[in-house]
C-alpha atoms as a PDB file:
ATOM      1  CA  UNK A   1      58.219  20.150  12.032  1.00  0.00           C
ATOM      2  CA  UNK A   2      59.314  17.179  10.062  1.00  0.00           C
ATOM      3  CA  UNK A   3      56.851  14.739   8.702  1.00  0.00           C
ATOM      4  CA  UNK A   4      57.656  11.125   8.959  1.00  0.00           C
ATOM      5  CA  UNK A   5      56.947   9.222   5.841  1.00  0.00           C
ATOM      6  CA  UNK A   6      54.085   6.771   6.105  1.00  0.00           C
ATOM      7  CA  UNK A   7      55.035   3.384   4.762  1.00  0.00           C
ATOM      8  CA  UNK A   8      52.886   2.309   1.846  1.00  0.00           C
ATOM      9  CA  UNK A   9      50.139  -0.125   2.619  1.00  0.00           C
ATOM     10  CA  UNK A  10      51.031  -3.627   1.781  1.00  0.00           C
ATOM     11  CA  UNK A  11      48.834  -4.871  -0.991  1.00  0.00           C
ATOM     12  CA  UNK A  12      46.676  -7.813  -0.119  1.00  0.00           C
ATOM     13  CA  UNK A  13      47.116 -10.967  -2.076  1.00  0.00           C
ATOM     14  CA  UNK A  14      44.717 -11.279  -5.020  1.00  0.00           C
ATOM     15  CA  UNK A  15      43.137 -14.446  -3.539  1.00  0.00           C
ATOM     16  CA  UNK A  16      42.130 -12.750  -0.271  1.00  0.00           C
ATOM     17  CA  UNK A  17      40.494  -9.879  -2.174  1.00  0.00           C
ATOM     18  CA  UNK A  18      38.561 -12.236  -4.401  1.00  0.00           C
ATOM     19  CA  UNK A  19      37.318 -14.240  -1.404  1.00  0.00           C
ATOM     20  CA  UNK A  20      36.081 -11.084   0.309  1.00  0.00           C
ATOM     21  CA  UNK A  21      34.292  -9.974  -2.851  1.00  0.00           C
ATOM     22  CA  UNK A  22      32.744 -13.413  -3.231  1.00  0.00           C
ATOM     23  CA  UNK A  23      31.563 -13.327   0.421  1.00  0.00           C
ATOM     24  CA  UNK A  24      29.866  -9.946  -0.114  1.00  0.00           C
ATOM     25  CA  UNK A  25      28.187 -11.170  -3.318  1.00  0.00           C
ATOM     26  CA  UNK A  26      26.958 -14.353  -1.693  1.00  0.00           C
ATOM     27  CA  UNK A  27      25.597 -12.374   1.277  1.00  0.00           C
ATOM     28  CA  UNK A  28      23.803  -9.970  -1.026  1.00  0.00           C
ATOM     29  CA  UNK A  29      22.239 -12.850  -2.989  1.00  0.00           C
ATOM     30  CA  UNK A  30      21.111 -14.547   0.230  1.00  0.00           C
ATOM     31  CA  UNK A  31      19.403 -11.326   1.338  1.00  0.00           C
ATOM     32  CA  UNK A  32      17.712 -10.891  -2.038  1.00  0.00           C
ATOM     33  CA  UNK A  33      16.485 -14.511  -2.002  1.00  0.00           C
ATOM     34  CA  UNK A  34      15.203 -14.136   1.546  1.00  0.00           C
ATOM     35  CA  UNK A  35      13.321 -10.979   0.668  1.00  0.00           C
ATOM     36  CA  UNK A  36      11.817 -12.552  -2.429  1.00  0.00           C
ATOM     37  CA  UNK A  37      10.788 -15.619  -0.398  1.00  0.00           C
ATOM     38  CA  UNK A  38       9.058 -13.523   2.201  1.00  0.00           C
ATOM     39  CA  UNK A  39       7.261 -11.495  -0.493  1.00  0.00           C
ATOM     40  CA  UNK A  40       6.080 -14.610  -2.323  1.00  0.00           C
ATOM     41  CA  UNK A  41       4.816 -16.329   0.818  1.00  0.00           C
ATOM     42  CA  UNK A  42       2.789 -13.471   2.203  1.00  0.00           C
ATOM     43  CA  UNK A  43      -0.962 -14.097   2.012  1.00  0.00           C
ATOM     44  CA  UNK A  44      -2.948 -12.276  -0.613  1.00  0.00           C
ATOM     45  CA  UNK A  45      -5.718  -9.951   0.583  1.00  0.00           C
ATOM     46  CA  UNK A  46      -9.214 -11.409   0.213  1.00  0.00           C
ATOM     47  CA  UNK A  47     -11.198 -10.284  -2.793  1.00  0.00           C
ATOM     48  CA  UNK A  48     -14.369  -8.346  -2.023  1.00  0.00           C
ATOM     49  CA  UNK A  49     -17.579 -10.355  -2.350  1.00  0.00           C
ATOM     50  CA  UNK A  50     -20.681  -9.164  -4.138  1.00  0.00           C
ATOM     51  CA  UNK A  51     -21.369  -7.451  -7.408  1.00  0.00           C
ATOM     52  CA  UNK A  52     -18.379  -5.078  -7.761  1.00  0.00           C
ATOM     53  CA  UNK A  53     -19.615  -3.638 -11.082  1.00  0.00           C
ATOM     54  CA  UNK A  54     -22.952  -2.567  -9.580  1.00  0.00           C
ATOM     55  CA  UNK A  55     -21.147  -1.214  -6.515  1.00  0.00           C
ATOM     56  CA  UNK A  56     -18.763   0.783  -8.721  1.00  0.00           C
ATOM     57  CA  UNK A  57     -21.645   2.304 -10.676  1.00  0.00           C
ATOM     58  CA  UNK A  58     -23.535   3.210  -7.514  1.00  0.00           C
ATOM     59  CA  UNK A  59     -20.334   4.607  -6.020  1.00  0.00           C
ATOM     60  CA  UNK A  60     -19.724   6.769  -9.109  1.00  0.00           C
ATOM     61  CA  UNK A  61     -23.318   8.080  -8.887  1.00  0.00           C
ATOM     62  CA  UNK A  62     -22.748   8.943  -5.267  1.00  0.00           C
ATOM     63  CA  UNK A  63     -19.534  10.770  -6.062  1.00  0.00           C
ATOM     64  CA  UNK A  64     -21.383  12.761  -8.720  1.00  0.00           C
ATOM     65  CA  UNK A  65     -23.984  13.781  -6.107  1.00  0.00           C
ATOM     66  CA  UNK A  66     -21.244  14.684  -3.615  1.00  0.00           C
ATOM     67  CA  UNK A  67     -19.650  16.979  -6.212  1.00  0.00           C
ATOM     68  CA  UNK A  68     -22.944  18.848  -6.417  1.00  0.00           C
ATOM     69  CA  UNK A  69     -23.328  18.898  -2.614  1.00  0.00           C
ATOM     70  CA  UNK A  70     -26.435  16.666  -2.821  1.00  0.00           C
ATOM     71  CA  UNK A  71     -25.790  14.627   0.266  1.00  0.00           C
ATOM     72  CA  UNK A  72     -29.141  12.827   0.505  1.00  0.00           C
ATOM     73  CA  UNK A  73     -28.948  11.173  -2.910  1.00  0.00           C
ATOM     74  CA  UNK A  74     -25.221  10.526  -2.370  1.00  0.00           C
ATOM     75  CA  UNK A  75     -25.956   8.689   0.887  1.00  0.00           C
ATOM     76  CA  UNK A  76     -28.564   6.553  -0.928  1.00  0.00           C
ATOM     77  CA  UNK A  77     -26.094   5.757  -3.707  1.00  0.00           C
ATOM     78  CA  UNK A  78     -23.300   4.868  -1.326  1.00  0.00           C
ATOM     79  CA  UNK A  79     -25.652   2.651   0.715  1.00  0.00           C
ATOM     80  CA  UNK A  80     -26.605   0.864  -2.494  1.00  0.00           C
ATOM     81  CA  UNK A  81     -22.923   0.398  -3.315  1.00  0.00           C
ATOM     82  CA  UNK A  82     -22.235  -0.944   0.208  1.00  0.00           C
ATOM     83  CA  UNK A  83     -25.145  -3.402  -0.132  1.00  0.00           C
ATOM     84  CA  UNK A  84     -23.961  -4.549  -3.564  1.00  0.00           C
ATOM     85  CA  UNK A  85     -20.447  -5.356  -2.294  1.00  0.00           C
ATOM     86  CA  UNK A  86     -20.357  -5.461   1.501  1.00  0.00           C
ATOM     87  CA  UNK A  87     -16.581  -6.031   1.714  1.00  0.00           C
ATOM     88  CA  UNK A  88     -15.682  -3.160  -0.693  1.00  0.00           C
ATOM     89  CA  UNK A  89     -14.079  -0.497   1.432  1.00  0.00           C
ATOM     90  CA  UNK A  90     -14.406   2.585  -0.892  1.00  0.00           C
ATOM     91  CA  UNK A  91     -18.215   2.459  -0.653  1.00  0.00           C
ATOM     92  CA  UNK A  92     -18.069   2.496   3.134  1.00  0.00           C
ATOM     93  CA  UNK A  93     -15.541   5.310   3.246  1.00  0.00           C
ATOM     94  CA  UNK A  94     -17.559   7.440   0.822  1.00  0.00           C
ATOM     95  CA  UNK A  95     -20.753   6.726   2.823  1.00  0.00           C
ATOM     96  CA  UNK A  96     -18.994   7.960   5.933  1.00  0.00           C
ATOM     97  CA  UNK A  97     -17.832  11.113   4.188  1.00  0.00           C
ATOM     98  CA  UNK A  98     -21.353  11.806   2.899  1.00  0.00           C
ATOM     99  CA  UNK A  99     -22.861  11.240   6.353  1.00  0.00           C
ATOM    100  CA  UNK A 100     -20.276  13.488   7.928  1.00  0.00           C
ATOM    101  CA  UNK A 101     -20.949  16.287   5.413  1.00  0.00           C
ATOM    102  CA  UNK A 102     -24.698  16.338   6.266  1.00  0.00           C
ATOM    103  CA  UNK A 103     -23.709  17.703   9.713  1.00  0.00           C
ATOM    104  CA  UNK A 104     -26.843  16.274  11.323  1.00  0.00           C
ATOM    105  CA  UNK A 105     -26.328  14.931  14.834  1.00  0.00           C
ATOM    106  CA  UNK A 106     -27.866  11.498  14.174  1.00  0.00           C
ATOM    107  CA  UNK A 107     -25.457  10.940  11.221  1.00  0.00           C
ATOM    108  CA  UNK A 108     -22.423  12.039  13.253  1.00  0.00           C
ATOM    109  CA  UNK A 109     -22.807   9.381  15.920  1.00  0.00           C
END
């Protein structure tokens, strides 16, 4: 079994190699610029309305009650937080968790 020698690859001219590298670099920069443009033009989420400080304090009180398994006072605190900042999602989520943990049928509907 004789192996036939493989002729060495002919080196490409330096100019062709540089053009290919430049094309890759330009393509990469175009993709980065496109991604940055999309990221900068996306709309910002709306800021919650209401008194966020009062809502955060009421939410913290509710969490303290939840840690002690006092669901009634926790529900009252989370309702206060939801009324202070109606668009603030953590107060609504925590209120739902407190209502779920009471395990009463009227709260589960």
